[in-house]
Amino acid sequence: MLIFASLLLVLIALVHSVLGERFILRPLFKRDNLPRLFGNDSFTKSTLRFAWHITSLAWLGFAALLLMLPDSRPLLLTSTVVFFTSGLLAACYTKGKHLSWLVFFLIAALTLTQACTLS
């Protein structure tokens, strides 16, 4: 179960970084009305790119933790809450259009199931 959840996290991290860079960040950075901090917009662009990709890095970290600590009920329950909430927010804010909610709910279900099977 946790191997599948980890694979989903790796997949969503890769898709998030690649598609986000191509379809959101690059087009956004072509605009000429980004906030200019410290004299130009390069700090704004760097901050947005950093914030975007660090999310993917965090998901890769969660994937590694799930594989390294499969018997940690606190980690599994925390993961359940994090990914259930992520799914709920993605579903609500995008009215279901951003399909990440499906993956987040599946990861939450897998981690909760694993937590419930621990003695």
Protein backbone atom coordinates (compact mmCIF):
# COMPACT_ATOMS: atom_id res chain seq x y z
CA MET A 1 0.00 0.00 0.00
CA LEU A 2 2.68 2.47 0.99
CA ILE A 3 4.79 1.63 -2.04
CA PHE A 4 1.82 2.58 -4.21
CA ALA A 5 1.22 5.76 -2.18
CA SER A 6 4.91 6.66 -2.55
CA LEU A 7 4.82 6.04 -6.29
CA LEU A 8 1.77 8.30 -6.55
CA LEU A 9 3.67 11.01 -4.66
CA VAL A 10 6.68 10.70 -6.97
CA LEU A 11 4.37 10.86 -9.98
CA ILE A 12 2.45 13.88 -8.74
CA ALA A 13 5.72 15.65 -7.85
CA LEU A 14 7.11 15.12 -11.35
CA VAL A 15 3.89 16.11 -13.07
CA HIS A 16 3.53 19.16 -10.83
CA SER A 17 7.04 20.39 -11.58
CA VAL A 18 7.08 19.66 -15.31
CA LEU A 19 3.58 20.83 -16.20
CA GLY A 20 3.66 23.73 -13.76
CA GLU A 21 6.90 25.01 -15.25
CA ARG A 22 5.62 24.64 -18.79
CA PHE A 23 2.03 25.83 -18.50
CA ILE A 24 2.03 28.18 -15.51
CA LEU A 25 5.42 29.57 -14.60
CA ARG A 26 6.88 30.23 -18.07
CA PRO A 27 3.74 31.96 -19.39
CA LEU A 28 3.45 33.92 -16.15
CA PHE A 29 7.05 35.09 -16.38
CA LYS A 30 6.46 36.49 -19.89
CA ARG A 31 4.11 39.07 -18.42
CA ASP A 32 5.45 42.56 -17.86
CA ASN A 33 3.36 43.36 -14.81
CA LEU A 34 4.97 41.17 -12.15
CA PRO A 35 5.91 42.96 -8.94
CA ARG A 36 9.35 44.54 -9.10
CA LEU A 37 11.25 43.94 -5.90
CA PHE A 38 14.80 45.16 -5.44
CA GLY A 39 14.68 47.03 -8.75
CA ASN A 40 13.38 44.36 -11.14
CA ASP A 41 11.17 41.28 -11.32
CA SER A 42 13.90 38.62 -11.13
CA PHE A 43 13.50 38.19 -7.35
CA THR A 44 9.74 37.71 -7.83
CA LYS A 45 10.31 35.11 -10.55
CA SER A 46 12.92 33.26 -8.50
CA THR A 47 10.66 33.22 -5.45
CA LEU A 48 7.68 31.92 -7.42
CA ARG A 49 9.78 29.21 -9.08
CA PHE A 50 11.33 28.22 -5.72
CA ALA A 51 7.94 28.07 -3.99
CA TRP A 52 6.44 26.04 -6.85
CA HIS A 53 9.16 23.41 -6.96
CA ILE A 54 9.70 23.11 -3.21
CA THR A 55 6.17 21.70 -3.04
CA SER A 56 7.27 18.89 -5.35
CA LEU A 57 10.34 18.34 -3.20
CA ALA A 58 8.13 18.06 -0.09
CA TRP A 59 6.04 15.37 -1.79
CA LEU A 60 9.20 13.44 -2.64
CA GLY A 61 10.18 13.69 1.02
CA PHE A 62 6.79 12.33 2.10
CA ALA A 63 7.25 9.45 -0.35
CA ALA A 64 10.63 8.60 1.19
CA LEU A 65 9.27 8.81 4.74
CA LEU A 66 6.40 6.47 3.91
CA LEU A 67 8.89 3.90 2.62
CA MET A 68 11.36 4.31 5.49
CA LEU A 69 8.84 4.40 8.36
CA PRO A 70 5.94 2.14 7.36
CA ASP A 71 5.23 1.19 10.99
CA SER A 72 4.98 4.72 12.35
CA ARG A 73 1.33 5.32 13.20
CA PRO A 74 1.95 9.05 13.93
CA LEU A 75 3.57 9.52 10.51
CA LEU A 76 0.79 7.61 8.76
CA LEU A 77 -1.98 9.52 10.53
CA THR A 78 -0.24 12.85 9.88
CA SER A 79 0.10 11.89 6.21
CA THR A 80 -3.57 10.95 6.13
CA VAL A 81 -4.59 14.36 7.47
CA VAL A 82 -2.19 16.25 5.18
CA PHE A 83 -3.29 14.48 2.01
CA PHE A 84 -6.99 14.38 2.89
CA THR A 85 -6.88 18.15 3.52
CA SER A 86 -4.89 18.68 0.32
CA GLY A 87 -7.51 16.73 -1.61
CA LEU A 88 -10.34 18.63 0.01
CA LEU A 89 -8.76 22.01 -0.77
CA ALA A 90 -7.93 21.02 -4.35
CA ALA A 91 -11.47 19.76 -4.92
CA CYS A 92 -13.14 22.79 -3.35
CA TYR A 93 -10.98 25.59 -4.71
CA THR A 94 -10.97 24.26 -8.28
CA LYS A 95 -14.53 22.87 -8.15
CA GLY A 96 -13.06 19.45 -8.98
CA LYS A 97 -11.32 20.59 -12.17
CA HIS A 98 -7.77 20.04 -10.86
CA LEU A 99 -7.64 16.26 -10.64
CA SER A 100 -4.98 16.21 -7.94
CA TRP A 101 -7.78 15.77 -5.40
CA LEU A 102 -8.27 12.20 -6.63
CA VAL A 103 -4.63 11.35 -6.05
CA PHE A 104 -4.51 13.09 -2.68
CA PHE A 105 -7.63 11.27 -1.47
CA LEU A 106 -6.19 7.95 -2.66
CA ILE A 107 -2.92 8.62 -0.80
CA ALA A 108 -4.92 9.54 2.32
CA ALA A 109 -6.92 6.31 2.06
CA LEU A 110 -3.78 4.22 1.61
CA THR A 111 -1.99 5.77 4.58
CA LEU A 112 -5.08 5.50 6.79
CA THR A 113 -5.55 1.86 5.82
CA GLN A 114 -1.93 1.13 6.66
CA ALA A 115 -2.25 2.94 10.01
CA CYS A 116 -5.35 0.87 10.85
CA THR A 117 -3.56 -2.41 10.11
CA LEU A 118 -0.79 -1.69 12.65
CA SER A 119 -1.13 -3.51 15.94
